[in-house]
Amino acid sequence: MIIVNYGQNDATLNVLGREVLLDSLGKHYTYHYGLRLWNDSITSHNRNGGLGCGQNEDYV
């Protein structure tokens, strides 16, 4: 089960253990991390370095 909570202020959400600020398309991007909330799905991308290391998670 995925729980989405309000973050420290009204503009942020706590999703998958990260506090994020979503744009108008439901996306959040920082240097090595991307998240998208779309319809009933969550897509999370975490990159560790330049050699393709990382983790993709899709919750539908």
C-alpha atoms as a PDB file:
ATOM      1  CA  MET A   1       0.000   0.000   0.000  1.00  0.00           C
ATOM      2  CA  ILE A   2       1.296   3.481  -0.892  1.00  0.00           C
ATOM      3  CA  ILE A   3       0.495   6.317   1.503  1.00  0.00           C
ATOM      4  CA  VAL A   4       0.646   9.931   0.343  1.00  0.00           C
ATOM      5  CA  ASN A   5       0.679  12.519   3.149  1.00  0.00           C
ATOM      6  CA  TYR A   6       0.914  16.295   3.235  1.00  0.00           C
ATOM      7  CA  GLY A   7       4.491  17.482   3.840  1.00  0.00           C
ATOM      8  CA  GLN A   8       5.872  20.151   6.187  1.00  0.00           C
ATOM      9  CA  ASN A   9       3.867  22.864   4.450  1.00  0.00           C
ATOM     10  CA  ASP A  10       0.692  22.846   2.374  1.00  0.00           C
ATOM     11  CA  ALA A  11       2.534  22.850  -0.988  1.00  0.00           C
ATOM     12  CA  THR A  12       4.417  19.565  -0.519  1.00  0.00           C
ATOM     13  CA  LEU A  13       3.501  15.879  -0.343  1.00  0.00           C
ATOM     14  CA  ASN A  14       5.358  13.027   1.313  1.00  0.00           C
ATOM     15  CA  VAL A  15       5.482  10.212  -1.288  1.00  0.00           C
ATOM     16  CA  LEU A  16       7.527   7.012  -0.896  1.00  0.00           C
ATOM     17  CA  GLY A  17       9.452   8.562   1.986  1.00  0.00           C
ATOM     18  CA  ARG A  18      10.412  11.759   0.113  1.00  0.00           C
ATOM     19  CA  GLU A  19       8.983  15.223   0.500  1.00  0.00           C
ATOM     20  CA  VAL A  20       8.151  16.483  -2.992  1.00  0.00           C
ATOM     21  CA  LEU A  21       6.659  19.540  -4.642  1.00  0.00           C
ATOM     22  CA  LEU A  22       4.644  18.586  -7.724  1.00  0.00           C
ATOM     23  CA  ASP A  23       4.284  20.781 -10.803  1.00  0.00           C
ATOM     24  CA  SER A  24       1.002  21.195 -12.698  1.00  0.00           C
ATOM     25  CA  LEU A  25       1.592  17.885 -14.551  1.00  0.00           C
ATOM     26  CA  GLY A  26       2.083  15.885 -11.340  1.00  0.00           C
ATOM     27  CA  LYS A  27       5.880  15.666 -11.757  1.00  0.00           C
ATOM     28  CA  HIS A  28       8.781  16.278  -9.394  1.00  0.00           C
ATOM     29  CA  TYR A  29      12.432  16.307 -10.450  1.00  0.00           C
ATOM     30  CA  THR A  30      15.653  16.907  -8.552  1.00  0.00           C
ATOM     31  CA  TYR A  31      19.237  16.140  -9.556  1.00  0.00           C
ATOM     32  CA  HIS A  32      19.104  12.313  -9.487  1.00  0.00           C
ATOM     33  CA  TYR A  33      15.445  11.706  -8.662  1.00  0.00           C
ATOM     34  CA  GLY A  34      12.176  11.955 -10.584  1.00  0.00           C
ATOM     35  CA  LEU A  35       8.606  11.188  -9.528  1.00  0.00           C
ATOM     36  CA  ARG A  36       5.289  11.348 -11.375  1.00  0.00           C
ATOM     37  CA  LEU A  37       1.773  10.921 -10.000  1.00  0.00           C
ATOM     38  CA  TRP A  38      -0.594  10.216 -12.868  1.00  0.00           C
ATOM     39  CA  ASN A  39      -4.180   8.918 -12.660  1.00  0.00           C
ATOM     40  CA  ASP A  40      -3.859   6.040 -10.179  1.00  0.00           C
ATOM     41  CA  SER A  41      -0.135   5.384 -10.764  1.00  0.00           C
ATOM     42  CA  ILE A  42       3.209   6.446  -9.265  1.00  0.00           C
ATOM     43  CA  THR A  43       6.430   6.304 -11.276  1.00  0.00           C
ATOM     44  CA  SER A  44       9.703   6.844  -9.405  1.00  0.00           C
ATOM     45  CA  HIS A  45      13.212   7.038 -10.928  1.00  0.00           C
ATOM     46  CA  ASN A  46      16.378   7.209  -8.828  1.00  0.00           C
ATOM     47  CA  ARG A  47      19.816   7.492 -10.492  1.00  0.00           C
ATOM     48  CA  ASN A  48      23.077   6.923  -8.587  1.00  0.00           C
ATOM     49  CA  GLY A  49      25.667   7.782 -11.208  1.00  0.00           C
ATOM     50  CA  GLY A  50      26.629   8.055 -14.843  1.00  0.00           C
ATOM     51  CA  LEU A  51      26.934   4.349 -15.642  1.00  0.00           C
ATOM     52  CA  GLY A  52      23.225   3.550 -15.695  1.00  0.00           C
ATOM     53  CA  CYS A  53      23.001   2.573 -12.028  1.00  0.00           C
ATOM     54  CA  GLY A  54      19.708   3.330 -10.366  1.00  0.00           C
ATOM     55  CA  GLN A  55      16.224   2.132  -9.630  1.00  0.00           C
ATOM     56  CA  ASN A  56      12.880   2.469 -11.398  1.00  0.00           C
ATOM     57  CA  GLU A  57       9.640   1.789  -9.542  1.00  0.00           C
ATOM     58  CA  ASP A  58       6.161   1.772 -11.057  1.00  0.00           C
ATOM     59  CA  TYR A  59       3.059   1.394  -8.886  1.00  0.00           C
ATOM     60  CA  VAL A  60      -0.147   0.945 -10.852  1.00  0.00           C
END
